[in-house]
Amino acid sequence: MPNVIRLGDATSHGGKVVSVKAKHFTVGGIAVACVGDKCTCPIKGHDVCTIAEGDPHHVINGVAVAYDGHKTTCGATLLASTKDFRGA
């Protein structure tokens, strides 16, 4: 199963997750990312994007949690930095 995405995790375009709404839910002391949370992207014209995919079976405040391999609105793939928490 895939690993959870957290604040600061990288994307395949060289960006990272920069803002999360569910700051109270953490793994390893770092907030978990969900659909709609913000990412950066260094590709010209992409700038700030959002997490577009998440697992509908794992939600925080009604919003799907993002896992390794999910996509952002600019088409980047999210890359998990932890192996401590996996989806079911």
C-alpha atoms as a PDB file:
ATOM      1  CA  MET A   1       0.000   0.000   0.000  1.00  0.00           C
ATOM      2  CA  PRO A   2       1.179   3.561  -0.621  1.00  0.00           C
ATOM      3  CA  ASN A   3       2.728   5.841   1.985  1.00  0.00           C
ATOM      4  CA  VAL A   4       0.980   8.981   3.225  1.00  0.00           C
ATOM      5  CA  ILE A   5       1.929  12.454   1.926  1.00  0.00           C
ATOM      6  CA  ARG A   6       2.908  15.094   4.494  1.00  0.00           C
ATOM      7  CA  LEU A   7       3.773  18.785   4.594  1.00  0.00           C
ATOM      8  CA  GLY A   8       7.121  19.302   2.852  1.00  0.00           C
ATOM      9  CA  ASP A   9       6.987  16.130   0.743  1.00  0.00           C
ATOM     10  CA  ALA A  10       8.284  16.419  -2.816  1.00  0.00           C
ATOM     11  CA  THR A  11       6.629  16.148  -6.211  1.00  0.00           C
ATOM     12  CA  SER A  12       7.987  14.615  -9.406  1.00  0.00           C
ATOM     13  CA  HIS A  13       8.288  18.108 -10.918  1.00  0.00           C
ATOM     14  CA  GLY A  14      10.689  19.248  -8.180  1.00  0.00           C
ATOM     15  CA  GLY A  15       8.104  21.098  -6.091  1.00  0.00           C
ATOM     16  CA  LYS A  16       6.801  20.312  -2.632  1.00  0.00           C
ATOM     17  CA  VAL A  17       3.702  20.384  -0.435  1.00  0.00           C
ATOM     18  CA  VAL A  18       3.731  23.833   1.201  1.00  0.00           C
ATOM     19  CA  SER A  19       0.381  24.197   2.962  1.00  0.00           C
ATOM     20  CA  VAL A  20      -2.023  21.776   4.655  1.00  0.00           C
ATOM     21  CA  LYS A  21      -5.383  22.416   6.312  1.00  0.00           C
ATOM     22  CA  ALA A  22      -5.447  19.400   8.677  1.00  0.00           C
ATOM     23  CA  LYS A  23      -2.542  20.494  10.870  1.00  0.00           C
ATOM     24  CA  HIS A  24      -3.897  18.474  13.824  1.00  0.00           C
ATOM     25  CA  PHE A  25      -3.451  15.074  12.109  1.00  0.00           C
ATOM     26  CA  THR A  26       0.241  14.185  11.985  1.00  0.00           C
ATOM     27  CA  VAL A  27       2.482  11.253  11.150  1.00  0.00           C
ATOM     28  CA  GLY A  28       5.938  11.441  12.669  1.00  0.00           C
ATOM     29  CA  GLY A  29       5.089  14.917  13.951  1.00  0.00           C
ATOM     30  CA  ILE A  30       4.409  16.308  10.459  1.00  0.00           C
ATOM     31  CA  ALA A  31       0.923  17.247   9.214  1.00  0.00           C
ATOM     32  CA  VAL A  32      -0.755  14.939   6.676  1.00  0.00           C
ATOM     33  CA  ALA A  33      -1.755  16.341   3.261  1.00  0.00           C
ATOM     34  CA  CYS A  34      -5.210  16.044   1.684  1.00  0.00           C
ATOM     35  CA  VAL A  35      -6.959  16.914  -1.572  1.00  0.00           C
ATOM     36  CA  GLY A  36      -6.961  20.694  -2.026  1.00  0.00           C
ATOM     37  CA  ASP A  37      -3.769  21.336  -0.056  1.00  0.00           C
ATOM     38  CA  LYS A  38      -1.178  23.538  -1.778  1.00  0.00           C
ATOM     39  CA  CYS A  39       2.034  22.567  -3.587  1.00  0.00           C
ATOM     40  CA  THR A  40       4.687  24.499  -5.448  1.00  0.00           C
ATOM     41  CA  CYS A  41       5.931  23.619  -8.913  1.00  0.00           C
ATOM     42  CA  PRO A  42       9.109  25.033 -10.501  1.00  0.00           C
ATOM     43  CA  ILE A  43       7.894  24.404 -14.055  1.00  0.00           C
ATOM     44  CA  LYS A  44       7.186  27.691 -15.810  1.00  0.00           C
ATOM     45  CA  GLY A  45       3.484  28.515 -15.701  1.00  0.00           C
ATOM     46  CA  HIS A  46       2.663  26.001 -12.966  1.00  0.00           C
ATOM     47  CA  ASP A  47       3.713  28.003  -9.856  1.00  0.00           C
ATOM     48  CA  VAL A  48       1.233  27.061  -7.100  1.00  0.00           C
ATOM     49  CA  CYS A  49      -0.942  23.993  -7.611  1.00  0.00           C
ATOM     50  CA  THR A  50      -3.137  21.833  -5.415  1.00  0.00           C
ATOM     51  CA  ILE A  51      -3.337  18.158  -4.574  1.00  0.00           C
ATOM     52  CA  ALA A  52      -5.923  16.727  -6.965  1.00  0.00           C
ATOM     53  CA  GLU A  53      -6.156  13.093  -5.833  1.00  0.00           C
ATOM     54  CA  GLY A  54      -6.656  11.291  -2.547  1.00  0.00           C
ATOM     55  CA  ASP A  55      -8.000   8.062  -1.100  1.00  0.00           C
ATOM     56  CA  PRO A  56     -11.774   8.375  -0.524  1.00  0.00           C
ATOM     57  CA  HIS A  57     -11.566   5.591   2.082  1.00  0.00           C
ATOM     58  CA  HIS A  58      -9.258   7.698   4.280  1.00  0.00           C
ATOM     59  CA  VAL A  59     -10.596  11.163   5.061  1.00  0.00           C
ATOM     60  CA  ILE A  60      -9.843  13.977   7.480  1.00  0.00           C
ATOM     61  CA  ASN A  61     -12.717  16.411   8.035  1.00  0.00           C
ATOM     62  CA  GLY A  62     -14.435  14.895   4.991  1.00  0.00           C
ATOM     63  CA  VAL A  63     -11.446  15.410   2.671  1.00  0.00           C
ATOM     64  CA  ALA A  64      -9.491  12.531   1.107  1.00  0.00           C
ATOM     65  CA  VAL A  65      -5.937  11.925   2.358  1.00  0.00           C
ATOM     66  CA  ALA A  66      -3.158  12.027  -0.283  1.00  0.00           C
ATOM     67  CA  TYR A  67      -0.771   9.101  -0.749  1.00  0.00           C
ATOM     68  CA  ASP A  68       2.406   8.415  -2.694  1.00  0.00           C
ATOM     69  CA  GLY A  69       1.609   8.337  -6.416  1.00  0.00           C
ATOM     70  CA  HIS A  70      -1.385  10.650  -6.297  1.00  0.00           C
ATOM     71  CA  LYS A  71      -1.372  13.664  -8.637  1.00  0.00           C
ATOM     72  CA  THR A  72      -1.441  17.449  -8.334  1.00  0.00           C
ATOM     73  CA  THR A  73      -3.376  19.846 -10.584  1.00  0.00           C
ATOM     74  CA  CYS A  74      -0.201  20.513 -12.625  1.00  0.00           C
ATOM     75  CA  GLY A  75       0.210  16.788 -13.323  1.00  0.00           C
ATOM     76  CA  ALA A  76       3.056  16.126 -10.888  1.00  0.00           C
ATOM     77  CA  THR A  77       3.160  12.912  -8.870  1.00  0.00           C
ATOM     78  CA  LEU A  78       3.367  13.183  -5.072  1.00  0.00           C
ATOM     79  CA  LEU A  79       6.393  11.456  -3.493  1.00  0.00           C
ATOM     80  CA  ALA A  80       6.145  10.314   0.131  1.00  0.00           C
ATOM     81  CA  SER A  81       9.113  10.879   2.441  1.00  0.00           C
ATOM     82  CA  THR A  82       7.935   8.508   5.173  1.00  0.00           C
ATOM     83  CA  LYS A  83       7.523   4.781   5.377  1.00  0.00           C
ATOM     84  CA  ASP A  84       5.831   5.019   8.802  1.00  0.00           C
ATOM     85  CA  PHE A  85       2.190   5.186   7.712  1.00  0.00           C
ATOM     86  CA  ARG A  86       0.588   3.288   4.863  1.00  0.00           C
ATOM     87  CA  GLY A  87      -2.921   3.308   3.468  1.00  0.00           C
ATOM     88  CA  ALA A  88      -5.044   0.198   3.628  1.00  0.00           C
END
